[in-house]
Amino acid sequence: MKKTTSLLLAAMIAGSVFTTSAVADASRGKIFYMKKLKHVCKKDGLKNGAVFAIKHDRRSWETISKSGKLQSEWIKICPHAAKKVKKMREKDVKNLYDFVWKYASDGETPSCG
C-alpha cells in the first residue's frame, strides 16, 4: 500500500512538471524579449517590450496569430531582429505571443525595460 501511494504521488508530481513546461507563458515571453530582442529593437526606436506589444490590440494579435503571420509581423515591427525572429523555436513563438497579447494596447502594462 505504501509503495503504491508513493508511486502515485511521484507520477502526479512528474505529470505536473511536464504539463507546466508545455504551456505558453507571458513571463517567459517577456524574458525572451529582454534577452534576445531588446537590444536590437532599440535600433528600430522601440524603447522597451511595452512599445513592442502595444503595436496592436489583443484582437489584432489574435487574428495575426491565427493567420500564422506572427513572425512576419514582429519583423515588420522590429526589422533589425529579423534573424532572431526567424530562428525562434515554436515554444518561444508561443511565449512571445502570450507576452504581446497580455500587454497589447488594450491589455496590461508591463514592467520591462
PDB file of N, CA and C in Angstrom:
ATOM      1  N   MET A   1       0.817  -1.196   0.000  1.00  0.00           N
ATOM      2  CA  MET A   1       0.000   0.000   0.000  1.00  0.00           C
ATOM      3  C   MET A   1       0.866   1.266   0.000  1.00  0.00           C
ATOM      4  N   LYS A   2       1.890   1.261   0.854  1.00  0.00           N
ATOM      5  CA  LYS A   2       2.752   2.426   0.951  1.00  0.00           C
ATOM      6  C   LYS A   2       3.516   2.650  -0.360  1.00  0.00           C
ATOM      7  N   LYS A   3       3.940   1.551  -0.980  1.00  0.00           N
ATOM      8  CA  LYS A   3       4.679   1.643  -2.236  1.00  0.00           C
ATOM      9  C   LYS A   3       3.783   2.190  -3.350  1.00  0.00           C
ATOM     10  N   THR A   4       2.542   1.739  -3.394  1.00  0.00           N
ATOM     11  CA  THR A   4       1.588   2.197  -4.396  1.00  0.00           C
ATOM     12  C   THR A   4       1.311   3.692  -4.228  1.00  0.00           C
ATOM     13  N   THR A   5       1.133   4.122  -2.995  1.00  0.00           N
ATOM     14  CA  THR A   5       0.883   5.535  -2.724  1.00  0.00           C
ATOM     15  C   THR A   5       2.083   6.384  -3.143  1.00  0.00           C
ATOM     16  N   SER A   6       3.278   5.923  -2.857  1.00  0.00           N
ATOM     17  CA  SER A   6       4.492   6.653  -3.234  1.00  0.00           C
ATOM     18  C   SER A   6       4.616   6.765  -4.747  1.00  0.00           C
ATOM     19  N   LEU A   7       4.327   5.694  -5.463  1.00  0.00           N
ATOM     20  CA  LEU A   7       4.386   5.710  -6.923  1.00  0.00           C
ATOM     21  C   LEU A   7       3.352   6.668  -7.505  1.00  0.00           C
ATOM     22  N   LEU A   8       2.162   6.637  -6.952  1.00  0.00           N
ATOM     23  CA  LEU A   8       1.103   7.525  -7.416  1.00  0.00           C
ATOM     24  C   LEU A   8       1.479   8.990  -7.190  1.00  0.00           C
ATOM     25  N   LEU A   9       2.013   9.282  -6.021  1.00  0.00           N
ATOM     26  CA  LEU A   9       2.439  10.641  -5.714  1.00  0.00           C
ATOM     27  C   LEU A   9       3.564  11.091  -6.653  1.00  0.00           C
ATOM     28  N   ALA A  10       4.520  10.227  -6.899  1.00  0.00           N
ATOM     29  CA  ALA A  10       5.624  10.550  -7.809  1.00  0.00           C
ATOM     30  C   ALA A  10       5.104  10.802  -9.230  1.00  0.00           C
ATOM     31  N   ALA A  11       4.146  10.010  -9.668  1.00  0.00           N
ATOM     32  CA  ALA A  11       3.571  10.187 -11.005  1.00  0.00           C
ATOM     33  C   ALA A  11       2.828  11.517 -11.108  1.00  0.00           C
ATOM     34  N   MET A  12       2.127  11.898 -10.067  1.00  0.00           N
ATOM     35  CA  MET A  12       1.400  13.167 -10.065  1.00  0.00           C
ATOM     36  C   MET A  12       2.372  14.349 -10.124  1.00  0.00           C
ATOM     37  N   ILE A  13       3.443  14.286  -9.381  1.00  0.00           N
ATOM     38  CA  ILE A  13       4.430  15.360  -9.380  1.00  0.00           C
ATOM     39  C   ILE A  13       5.105  15.461 -10.743  1.00  0.00           C
ATOM     40  N   ALA A  14       5.492  14.321 -11.302  1.00  0.00           N
ATOM     41  CA  ALA A  14       6.130  14.313 -12.623  1.00  0.00           C
ATOM     42  C   ALA A  14       5.175  14.856 -13.678  1.00  0.00           C
ATOM     43  N   GLY A  15       3.923  14.492 -13.616  1.00  0.00           N
ATOM     44  CA  GLY A  15       2.930  14.975 -14.571  1.00  0.00           C
ATOM     45  C   GLY A  15       2.736  16.469 -14.497  1.00  0.00           C
ATOM     46  N   SER A  16       2.737  17.017 -13.293  1.00  0.00           N
ATOM     47  CA  SER A  16       2.557  18.461 -13.152  1.00  0.00           C
ATOM     48  C   SER A  16       3.770  19.228 -13.672  1.00  0.00           C
ATOM     49  N   VAL A  17       4.952  18.673 -13.536  1.00  0.00           N
ATOM     50  CA  VAL A  17       6.158  19.329 -14.040  1.00  0.00           C
ATOM     51  C   VAL A  17       6.144  19.366 -15.563  1.00  0.00           C
ATOM     52  N   PHE A  18       5.776  18.264 -16.195  1.00  0.00           N
ATOM     53  CA  PHE A  18       5.780  18.210 -17.659  1.00  0.00           C
ATOM     54  C   PHE A  18       4.689  19.073 -18.266  1.00  0.00           C
ATOM     55  N   THR A  19       3.528  19.159 -17.657  1.00  0.00           N
ATOM     56  CA  THR A  19       2.458  19.982 -18.217  1.00  0.00           C
ATOM     57  C   THR A  19       2.762  21.459 -18.078  1.00  0.00           C
ATOM     58  N   THR A  20       3.470  21.845 -17.043  1.00  0.00           N
ATOM     59  CA  THR A  20       3.804  23.254 -16.858  1.00  0.00           C
ATOM     60  C   THR A  20       4.719  23.749 -17.961  1.00  0.00           C
ATOM     61  N   SER A  21       5.681  22.946 -18.371  1.00  0.00           N
ATOM     62  CA  SER A  21       6.611  23.396 -19.393  1.00  0.00           C
ATOM     63  C   SER A  21       5.988  23.413 -20.781  1.00  0.00           C
ATOM     64  N   ALA A  22       4.877  22.720 -20.969  1.00  0.00           N
ATOM     65  CA  ALA A  22       4.248  22.657 -22.283  1.00  0.00           C
ATOM     66  C   ALA A  22       3.314  23.838 -22.544  1.00  0.00           C
ATOM     67  N   VAL A  23       3.004  24.606 -21.519  1.00  0.00           N
ATOM     68  CA  VAL A  23       2.063  25.704 -21.635  1.00  0.00           C
ATOM     69  C   VAL A  23       2.820  27.005 -21.923  1.00  0.00           C
ATOM     70  N   ALA A  24       2.291  27.801 -22.851  1.00  0.00           N
ATOM     71  CA  ALA A  24       2.905  29.090 -23.165  1.00  0.00           C
ATOM     72  C   ALA A  24       2.751  30.028 -21.970  1.00  0.00           C
ATOM     73  N   ASP A  25       3.659  30.995 -21.872  1.00  0.00           N
ATOM     74  CA  ASP A  25       3.703  31.819 -20.678  1.00  0.00           C
ATOM     75  C   ASP A  25       4.177  33.229 -21.031  1.00  0.00           C
ATOM     76  N   ALA A  26       3.393  34.218 -20.652  1.00  0.00           N
ATOM     77  CA  ALA A  26       3.742  35.606 -20.958  1.00  0.00           C
ATOM     78  C   ALA A  26       5.026  36.037 -20.264  1.00  0.00           C
ATOM     79  N   SER A  27       5.282  35.535 -19.060  1.00  0.00           N
ATOM     80  CA  SER A  27       6.516  35.928 -18.374  1.00  0.00           C
ATOM     81  C   SER A  27       7.737  35.351 -19.084  1.00  0.00           C
ATOM     82  N   ARG A  28       7.606  34.162 -19.655  1.00  0.00           N
ATOM     83  CA  ARG A  28       8.709  33.607 -20.446  1.00  0.00           C
ATOM     84  C   ARG A  28       8.880  34.397 -21.748  1.00  0.00           C
ATOM     85  N   GLY A  29       7.781  34.882 -22.305  1.00  0.00           N
ATOM     86  CA  GLY A  29       7.850  35.730 -23.487  1.00  0.00           C
ATOM     87  C   GLY A  29       8.552  37.042 -23.182  1.00  0.00           C
ATOM     88  N   LYS A  30       8.285  37.575 -22.002  1.00  0.00           N
ATOM     89  CA  LYS A  30       8.962  38.799 -21.564  1.00  0.00           C
ATOM     90  C   LYS A  30      10.463  38.551 -21.442  1.00  0.00           C
ATOM     91  N   ILE A  31      10.829  37.414 -20.855  1.00  0.00           N
ATOM     92  CA  ILE A  31      12.244  37.067 -20.708  1.00  0.00           C
ATOM     93  C   ILE A  31      12.893  36.910 -22.079  1.00  0.00           C
ATOM     94  N   PHE A  32      12.189  36.264 -23.008  1.00  0.00           N
ATOM     95  CA  PHE A  32      12.727  36.115 -24.362  1.00  0.00           C
ATOM     96  C   PHE A  32      12.958  37.483 -24.989  1.00  0.00           C
ATOM     97  N   TYR A  33      11.982  38.372 -24.877  1.00  0.00           N
ATOM     98  CA  TYR A  33      12.135  39.710 -25.443  1.00  0.00           C
ATOM     99  C   TYR A  33      13.329  40.423 -24.818  1.00  0.00           C
ATOM    100  N   MET A  34      13.425  40.370 -23.498  1.00  0.00           N
ATOM    101  CA  MET A  34      14.504  41.073 -22.793  1.00  0.00           C
ATOM    102  C   MET A  34      15.881  40.537 -23.189  1.00  0.00           C
ATOM    103  N   LYS A  35      15.998  39.223 -23.341  1.00  0.00           N
ATOM    104  CA  LYS A  35      17.302  38.622 -23.641  1.00  0.00           C
ATOM    105  C   LYS A  35      17.669  38.689 -25.116  1.00  0.00           C
ATOM    106  N   LYS A  36      16.715  38.470 -25.989  1.00  0.00           N
ATOM    107  CA  LYS A  36      17.015  38.299 -27.411  1.00  0.00           C
ATOM    108  C   LYS A  36      16.685  39.505 -28.291  1.00  0.00           C
ATOM    109  N   LEU A  37      15.653  40.252 -27.951  1.00  0.00           N
ATOM    110  CA  LEU A  37      15.177  41.287 -28.869  1.00  0.00           C
ATOM    111  C   LEU A  37      15.370  42.722 -28.390  1.00  0.00           C
ATOM    112  N   LYS A  38      15.496  42.918 -27.111  1.00  0.00           N
ATOM    113  CA  LYS A  38      15.535  44.272 -26.547  1.00  0.00           C
ATOM    114  C   LYS A  38      16.598  45.148 -27.211  1.00  0.00           C
ATOM    115  N   HIS A  39      17.820  44.647 -27.280  1.00  0.00           N
ATOM    116  CA  HIS A  39      18.916  45.482 -27.778  1.00  0.00           C
ATOM    117  C   HIS A  39      18.804  45.765 -29.268  1.00  0.00           C
ATOM    118  N   VAL A  40      18.387  44.778 -30.042  1.00  0.00           N
ATOM    119  CA  VAL A  40      18.274  45.015 -31.485  1.00  0.00           C
ATOM    120  C   VAL A  40      17.051  45.859 -31.821  1.00  0.00           C
ATOM    121  N   CYS A  41      15.979  45.726 -31.061  1.00  0.00           N
ATOM    122  CA  CYS A  41      14.776  46.515 -31.337  1.00  0.00           C
ATOM    123  C   CYS A  41      14.952  47.983 -30.965  1.00  0.00           C
ATOM    124  N   LYS A  42      15.899  48.276 -30.078  1.00  0.00           N
ATOM    125  CA  LYS A  42      16.181  49.682 -29.767  1.00  0.00           C
ATOM    126  C   LYS A  42      16.666  50.424 -31.002  1.00  0.00           C
ATOM    127  N   LYS A  43      17.308  49.709 -31.926  1.00  0.00           N
ATOM    128  CA  LYS A  43      17.771  50.317 -33.176  1.00  0.00           C
ATOM    129  C   LYS A  43      16.593  50.760 -34.042  1.00  0.00           C
ATOM    130  N   ASP A  44      15.434  50.138 -33.822  1.00  0.00           N
ATOM    131  CA  ASP A  44      14.229  50.483 -34.577  1.00  0.00           C
ATOM    132  C   ASP A  44      13.338  51.465 -33.814  1.00  0.00           C
ATOM    133  N   GLY A  45      13.848  52.020 -32.723  1.00  0.00           N
ATOM    134  CA  GLY A  45      13.109  53.018 -31.966  1.00  0.00           C
ATOM    135  C   GLY A  45      12.162  52.462 -30.923  1.00  0.00           C
ATOM    136  N   LEU A  46      12.245  51.179 -30.635  1.00  0.00           N
ATOM    137  CA  LEU A  46      11.398  50.587 -29.607  1.00  0.00           C
ATOM    138  C   LEU A  46      12.131  50.652 -28.274  1.00  0.00           C
ATOM    139  N   LYS A  47      11.650  51.492 -27.367  1.00  0.00           N
ATOM    140  CA  LYS A  47      12.317  51.682 -26.080  1.00  0.00           C
ATOM    141  C   LYS A  47      12.318  50.419 -25.231  1.00  0.00           C
ATOM    142  N   ASN A  48      11.213  49.689 -25.264  1.00  0.00           N
ATOM    143  CA  ASN A  48      11.081  48.524 -24.388  1.00  0.00           C
ATOM    144  C   ASN A  48      10.030  47.563 -24.924  1.00  0.00           C
ATOM    145  N   GLY A  49       9.774  46.500 -24.175  1.00  0.00           N
ATOM    146  CA  GLY A  49       8.815  45.488 -24.582  1.00  0.00           C
ATOM    147  C   GLY A  49       7.391  46.004 -24.669  1.00  0.00           C
ATOM    148  N   ALA A  50       7.073  47.001 -23.841  1.00  0.00           N
ATOM    149  CA  ALA A  50       5.725  47.570 -23.871  1.00  0.00           C
ATOM    150  C   ALA A  50       5.446  48.210 -25.222  1.00  0.00           C
ATOM    151  N   VAL A  51       6.417  48.941 -25.749  1.00  0.00           N
ATOM    152  CA  VAL A  51       6.249  49.599 -27.047  1.00  0.00           C
ATOM    153  C   VAL A  51       6.094  48.545 -28.145  1.00  0.00           C
ATOM    154  N   PHE A  52       6.813  47.441 -28.010  1.00  0.00           N
ATOM    155  CA  PHE A  52       6.703  46.329 -28.954  1.00  0.00           C
ATOM    156  C   PHE A  52       5.304  45.725 -28.912  1.00  0.00           C
ATOM    157  N   ALA A  53       4.788  45.497 -27.720  1.00  0.00           N
ATOM    158  CA  ALA A  53       3.498  44.825 -27.553  1.00  0.00           C
ATOM    159  C   ALA A  53       2.305  45.701 -27.926  1.00  0.00           C
ATOM    160  N   ILE A  54       2.400  47.005 -27.711  1.00  0.00           N
ATOM    161  CA  ILE A  54       1.229  47.873 -27.939  1.00  0.00           C
ATOM    162  C   ILE A  54       1.048  48.264 -29.397  1.00  0.00           C
ATOM    163  N   LYS A  55       1.788  47.666 -30.282  1.00  0.00           N
ATOM    164  CA  LYS A  55       1.611  47.951 -31.707  1.00  0.00           C
ATOM    165  C   LYS A  55       0.238  47.488 -32.200  1.00  0.00           C
ATOM    166  N   HIS A  56      -0.366  46.559 -31.475  1.00  0.00           N
ATOM    167  CA  HIS A  56      -1.708  46.061 -31.820  1.00  0.00           C
ATOM    168  C   HIS A  56      -2.512  45.854 -30.549  1.00  0.00           C
ATOM    169  N   ASP A  57      -3.832  45.761 -30.708  1.00  0.00           N
ATOM    170  CA  ASP A  57      -4.669  45.386 -29.573  1.00  0.00           C
ATOM    171  C   ASP A  57      -4.778  43.862 -29.519  1.00  0.00           C
ATOM    172  N   ARG A  58      -5.425  43.359 -28.495  1.00  0.00           N
ATOM    173  CA  ARG A  58      -5.498  41.900 -28.302  1.00  0.00           C
ATOM    174  C   ARG A  58      -6.167  41.187 -29.472  1.00  0.00           C
ATOM    175  N   ARG A  59      -7.227  41.769 -29.972  1.00  0.00           N
ATOM    176  CA  ARG A  59      -7.947  41.136 -31.086  1.00  0.00           C
ATOM    177  C   ARG A  59      -7.052  41.052 -32.325  1.00  0.00           C
ATOM    178  N   SER A  60      -6.299  42.106 -32.600  1.00  0.00           N
ATOM    179  CA  SER A  60      -5.400  42.102 -33.753  1.00  0.00           C
ATOM    180  C   SER A  60      -4.299  41.063 -33.595  1.00  0.00           C
ATOM    181  N   TRP A  61      -3.704  40.984 -32.390  1.00  0.00           N
ATOM    182  CA  TRP A  61      -2.661  39.966 -32.163  1.00  0.00           C
ATOM    183  C   TRP A  61      -3.234  38.562 -32.365  1.00  0.00           C
ATOM    184  N   GLU A  62      -4.449  38.350 -31.895  1.00  0.00           N
ATOM    185  CA  GLU A  62      -5.080  37.034 -32.046  1.00  0.00           C
ATOM    186  C   GLU A  62      -5.317  36.704 -33.520  1.00  0.00           C
ATOM    187  N   THR A  63      -5.777  37.684 -34.289  1.00  0.00           N
ATOM    188  CA  THR A  63      -6.008  37.484 -35.722  1.00  0.00           C
ATOM    189  C   THR A  63      -4.702  37.181 -36.447  1.00  0.00           C
ATOM    190  N   ILE A  64      -3.658  37.914 -36.119  1.00  0.00           N
ATOM    191  CA  ILE A  64      -2.342  37.688 -36.731  1.00  0.00           C
ATOM    192  C   ILE A  64      -1.843  36.295 -36.391  1.00  0.00           C
ATOM    193  N   SER A  65      -2.044  35.883 -35.150  1.00  0.00           N
ATOM    194  CA  SER A  65      -1.602  34.552 -34.728  1.00  0.00           C
ATOM    195  C   SER A  65      -2.348  33.452 -35.474  1.00  0.00           C
ATOM    196  N   LYS A  66      -3.660  33.601 -35.573  1.00  0.00           N
ATOM    197  CA  LYS A  66      -4.466  32.582 -36.260  1.00  0.00           C
ATOM    198  C   LYS A  66      -4.132  32.496 -37.742  1.00  0.00           C
ATOM    199  N   SER A  67      -3.694  33.601 -38.329  1.00  0.00           N
ATOM    200  CA  SER A  67      -3.335  33.587 -39.748  1.00  0.00           C
ATOM    201  C   SER A  67      -1.915  33.053 -39.970  1.00  0.00           C
ATOM    202  N   GLY A  68      -1.181  32.802 -38.888  1.00  0.00           N
ATOM    203  CA  GLY A  68       0.163  32.254 -38.997  1.00  0.00           C
ATOM    204  C   GLY A  68       1.218  33.269 -39.412  1.00  0.00           C
ATOM    205  N   LYS A  69       0.962  34.533 -39.153  1.00  0.00           N
ATOM    206  CA  LYS A  69       1.875  35.584 -39.604  1.00  0.00           C
ATOM    207  C   LYS A  69       2.526  36.351 -38.447  1.00  0.00           C
ATOM    208  N   LEU A  70       2.628  35.718 -37.278  1.00  0.00           N
ATOM    209  CA  LEU A  70       3.213  36.402 -36.128  1.00  0.00           C
ATOM    210  C   LEU A  70       4.647  36.834 -36.384  1.00  0.00           C
ATOM    211  N   GLN A  71       5.466  35.903 -36.848  1.00  0.00           N
ATOM    212  CA  GLN A  71       6.869  36.220 -37.032  1.00  0.00           C
ATOM    213  C   GLN A  71       7.077  37.307 -38.080  1.00  0.00           C
ATOM    214  N   SER A  72       6.317  37.273 -39.143  1.00  0.00           N
ATOM    215  CA  SER A  72       6.464  38.324 -40.155  1.00  0.00           C
ATOM    216  C   SER A  72       6.006  39.675 -39.607  1.00  0.00           C
ATOM    217  N   GLU A  73       5.008  39.687 -38.753  1.00  0.00           N
ATOM    218  CA  GLU A  73       4.552  40.934 -38.134  1.00  0.00           C
ATOM    219  C   GLU A  73       5.607  41.469 -37.170  1.00  0.00           C
ATOM    220  N   TRP A  74       6.222  40.583 -36.398  1.00  0.00           N
ATOM    221  CA  TRP A  74       7.280  41.009 -35.489  1.00  0.00           C
ATOM    222  C   TRP A  74       8.469  41.579 -36.264  1.00  0.00           C
ATOM    223  N   ILE A  75       8.746  41.018 -37.432  1.00  0.00           N
ATOM    224  CA  ILE A  75       9.836  41.539 -38.262  1.00  0.00           C
ATOM    225  C   ILE A  75       9.477  42.925 -38.799  1.00  0.00           C
ATOM    226  N   LYS A  76       8.196  43.152 -39.137  1.00  0.00           N
ATOM    227  CA  LYS A  76       7.768  44.483 -39.576  1.00  0.00           C
ATOM    228  C   LYS A  76       7.943  45.509 -38.458  1.00  0.00           C
ATOM    229  N   ILE A  77       7.625  45.098 -37.240  1.00  0.00           N
ATOM    230  CA  ILE A  77       7.724  45.999 -36.090  1.00  0.00           C
ATOM    231  C   ILE A  77       9.185  46.274 -35.738  1.00  0.00           C
ATOM    232  N   CYS A  78      10.005  45.245 -35.835  1.00  0.00           N
ATOM    233  CA  CYS A  78      11.415  45.349 -35.452  1.00  0.00           C
ATOM    234  C   CYS A  78      12.290  44.679 -36.522  1.00  0.00           C
ATOM    235  N   PRO A  79      12.550  45.364 -37.628  1.00  0.00           N
ATOM    236  CA  PRO A  79      13.315  44.769 -38.726  1.00  0.00           C
ATOM    237  C   PRO A  79      14.733  44.326 -38.356  1.00  0.00           C
ATOM    238  N   HIS A  80      15.355  44.992 -37.411  1.00  0.00           N
ATOM    239  CA  HIS A  80      16.706  44.597 -37.008  1.00  0.00           C
ATOM    240  C   HIS A  80      16.743  43.221 -36.324  1.00  0.00           C
ATOM    241  N   ALA A  81      15.610  42.737 -35.877  1.00  0.00           N
ATOM    242  CA  ALA A  81      15.550  41.450 -35.198  1.00  0.00           C
ATOM    243  C   ALA A  81      15.158  40.308 -36.138  1.00  0.00           C
ATOM    244  N   ALA A  82      15.160  40.544 -37.433  1.00  0.00           N
ATOM    245  CA  ALA A  82      14.678  39.554 -38.400  1.00  0.00           C
ATOM    246  C   ALA A  82      15.359  38.193 -38.242  1.00  0.00           C
ATOM    247  N   LYS A  83      16.679  38.176 -38.115  1.00  0.00           N
ATOM    248  CA  LYS A  83      17.390  36.900 -37.974  1.00  0.00           C
ATOM    249  C   LYS A  83      16.950  36.144 -36.735  1.00  0.00           C
ATOM    250  N   LYS A  84      16.866  36.855 -35.621  1.00  0.00           N
ATOM    251  CA  LYS A  84      16.493  36.219 -34.354  1.00  0.00           C
ATOM    252  C   LYS A  84      15.049  35.734 -34.382  1.00  0.00           C
ATOM    253  N   VAL A  85      14.176  36.497 -34.998  1.00  0.00           N
ATOM    254  CA  VAL A  85      12.763  36.105 -35.067  1.00  0.00           C
ATOM    255  C   VAL A  85      12.593  34.870 -35.954  1.00  0.00           C
ATOM    256  N   LYS A  86      13.312  34.819 -37.057  1.00  0.00           N
ATOM    257  CA  LYS A  86      13.209  33.670 -37.963  1.00  0.00           C
ATOM    258  C   LYS A  86      13.738  32.386 -37.326  1.00  0.00           C
ATOM    259  N   LYS A  87      14.687  32.511 -36.399  1.00  0.00           N
ATOM    260  CA  LYS A  87      15.284  31.346 -35.746  1.00  0.00           C
ATOM    261  C   LYS A  87      14.530  30.900 -34.489  1.00  0.00           C
ATOM    262  N   MET A  88      13.435  31.575 -34.166  1.00  0.00           N
ATOM    263  CA  MET A  88      12.698  31.263 -32.937  1.00  0.00           C
ATOM    264  C   MET A  88      12.156  29.840 -32.946  1.00  0.00           C
ATOM    265  N   ARG A  89      12.243  29.202 -31.783  1.00  0.00           N
ATOM    266  CA  ARG A  89      11.632  27.886 -31.617  1.00  0.00           C
ATOM    267  C   ARG A  89      10.136  28.075 -31.403  1.00  0.00           C
ATOM    268  N   GLU A  90       9.382  27.020 -31.643  1.00  0.00           N
ATOM    269  CA  GLU A  90       7.916  27.086 -31.534  1.00  0.00           C
ATOM    270  C   GLU A  90       7.482  27.543 -30.143  1.00  0.00           C
ATOM    271  N   LYS A  91       8.133  27.047 -29.103  1.00  0.00           N
ATOM    272  CA  LYS A  91       7.741  27.445 -27.745  1.00  0.00           C
ATOM    273  C   LYS A  91       8.027  28.926 -27.499  1.00  0.00           C
ATOM    274  N   ASP A  92       9.107  29.451 -28.103  1.00  0.00           N
ATOM    275  CA  ASP A  92       9.405  30.877 -27.956  1.00  0.00           C
ATOM    276  C   ASP A  92       8.368  31.732 -28.680  1.00  0.00           C
ATOM    277  N   VAL A  93       7.913  31.263 -29.833  1.00  0.00           N
ATOM    278  CA  VAL A  93       6.860  31.977 -30.568  1.00  0.00           C
ATOM    279  C   VAL A  93       5.595  32.033 -29.711  1.00  0.00           C
ATOM    280  N   LYS A  94       5.228  30.907 -29.115  1.00  0.00           N
ATOM    281  CA  LYS A  94       4.027  30.872 -28.275  1.00  0.00           C
ATOM    282  C   LYS A  94       4.167  31.776 -27.061  1.00  0.00           C
ATOM    283  N   ASN A  95       5.338  31.741 -26.429  1.00  0.00           N
ATOM    284  CA  ASN A  95       5.555  32.574 -25.247  1.00  0.00           C
ATOM    285  C   ASN A  95       5.564  34.061 -25.600  1.00  0.00           C
ATOM    286  N   LEU A  96       6.223  34.428 -26.691  1.00  0.00           N
ATOM    287  CA  LEU A  96       6.249  35.834 -27.092  1.00  0.00           C
ATOM    288  C   LEU A  96       4.857  36.298 -27.513  1.00  0.00           C
ATOM    289  N   TYR A  97       4.100  35.405 -28.148  1.00  0.00           N
ATOM    290  CA  TYR A  97       2.715  35.750 -28.489  1.00  0.00           C
ATOM    291  C   TYR A  97       1.918  36.028 -27.212  1.00  0.00           C
ATOM    292  N   ASP A  98       2.064  35.165 -26.207  1.00  0.00           N
ATOM    293  CA  ASP A  98       1.361  35.397 -24.939  1.00  0.00           C
ATOM    294  C   ASP A  98       1.756  36.736 -24.329  1.00  0.00           C
ATOM    295  N   PHE A  99       3.041  37.080 -24.459  1.00  0.00           N
ATOM    296  CA  PHE A  99       3.522  38.365 -23.947  1.00  0.00           C
ATOM    297  C   PHE A  99       2.860  39.534 -24.670  1.00  0.00           C
ATOM    298  N   VAL A 100       2.893  39.519 -26.003  1.00  0.00           N
ATOM    299  CA  VAL A 100       2.320  40.658 -26.740  1.00  0.00           C
ATOM    300  C   VAL A 100       0.804  40.716 -26.581  1.00  0.00           C
ATOM    301  N   TRP A 101       0.154  39.559 -26.458  1.00  0.00           N
ATOM    302  CA  TRP A 101      -1.296  39.556 -26.259  1.00  0.00           C
ATOM    303  C   TRP A 101      -1.645  40.127 -24.889  1.00  0.00           C
ATOM    304  N   LYS A 102      -0.925  39.684 -23.862  1.00  0.00           N
ATOM    305  CA  LYS A 102      -1.213  40.138 -22.494  1.00  0.00           C
ATOM    306  C   LYS A 102      -0.979  41.635 -22.346  1.00  0.00           C
ATOM    307  N   TYR A 103       0.078  42.147 -22.983  1.00  0.00           N
ATOM    308  CA  TYR A 103       0.444  43.548 -22.827  1.00  0.00           C
ATOM    309  C   TYR A 103       0.118  44.382 -24.071  1.00  0.00           C
ATOM    310  N   ALA A 104      -0.881  43.959 -24.822  1.00  0.00           N
ATOM    311  CA  ALA A 104      -1.313  44.690 -26.020  1.00  0.00           C
ATOM    312  C   ALA A 104      -1.824  46.076 -25.632  1.00  0.00           C
ATOM    313  N   SER A 105      -2.144  46.883 -26.638  1.00  0.00           N
ATOM    314  CA  SER A 105      -2.573  48.260 -26.378  1.00  0.00           C
ATOM    315  C   SER A 105      -3.809  48.323 -25.490  1.00  0.00           C
ATOM    316  N   ASP A 106      -4.642  47.309 -25.511  1.00  0.00           N
ATOM    317  CA  ASP A 106      -5.821  47.277 -24.644  1.00  0.00           C
ATOM    318  C   ASP A 106      -5.655  46.297 -23.490  1.00  0.00           C
ATOM    319  N   GLY A 107      -4.416  45.902 -23.194  1.00  0.00           N
ATOM    320  CA  GLY A 107      -4.136  44.944 -22.131  1.00  0.00           C
ATOM    321  C   GLY A 107      -3.439  45.602 -20.945  1.00  0.00           C
ATOM    322  N   GLU A 108      -2.699  44.790 -20.208  1.00  0.00           N
ATOM    323  CA  GLU A 108      -1.989  45.254 -19.023  1.00  0.00           C
ATOM    324  C   GLU A 108      -0.737  46.034 -19.418  1.00  0.00           C
ATOM    325  N   THR A 109      -0.159  46.749 -18.457  1.00  0.00           N
ATOM    326  CA  THR A 109       1.070  47.491 -18.674  1.00  0.00           C
ATOM    327  C   THR A 109       2.238  46.696 -18.093  1.00  0.00           C
ATOM    328  N   PRO A 110       3.216  46.312 -18.941  1.00  0.00           N
ATOM    329  CA  PRO A 110       4.353  45.526 -18.429  1.00  0.00           C
ATOM    330  C   PRO A 110       5.369  46.409 -17.708  1.00  0.00           C
ATOM    331  N   SER A 111       6.182  45.764 -16.901  1.00  0.00           N
ATOM    332  CA  SER A 111       7.270  46.480 -16.230  1.00  0.00           C
ATOM    333  C   SER A 111       8.587  45.918 -16.733  1.00  0.00           C
ATOM    334  N   CYS A 112       8.898  46.221 -17.985  1.00  0.00           N
ATOM    335  CA  CYS A 112      10.156  45.737 -18.541  1.00  0.00           C
ATOM    336  C   CYS A 112      10.862  46.879 -19.229  1.00  0.00           C
ATOM    337  N   GLY A 113      12.177  46.797 -19.236  1.00  0.00           N
ATOM    338  CA  GLY A 113      12.974  47.882 -19.787  1.00  0.00           C
ATOM    339  C   GLY A 113      13.364  47.668 -21.206  1.00  0.00           C
TER     340      GLY A 113
END
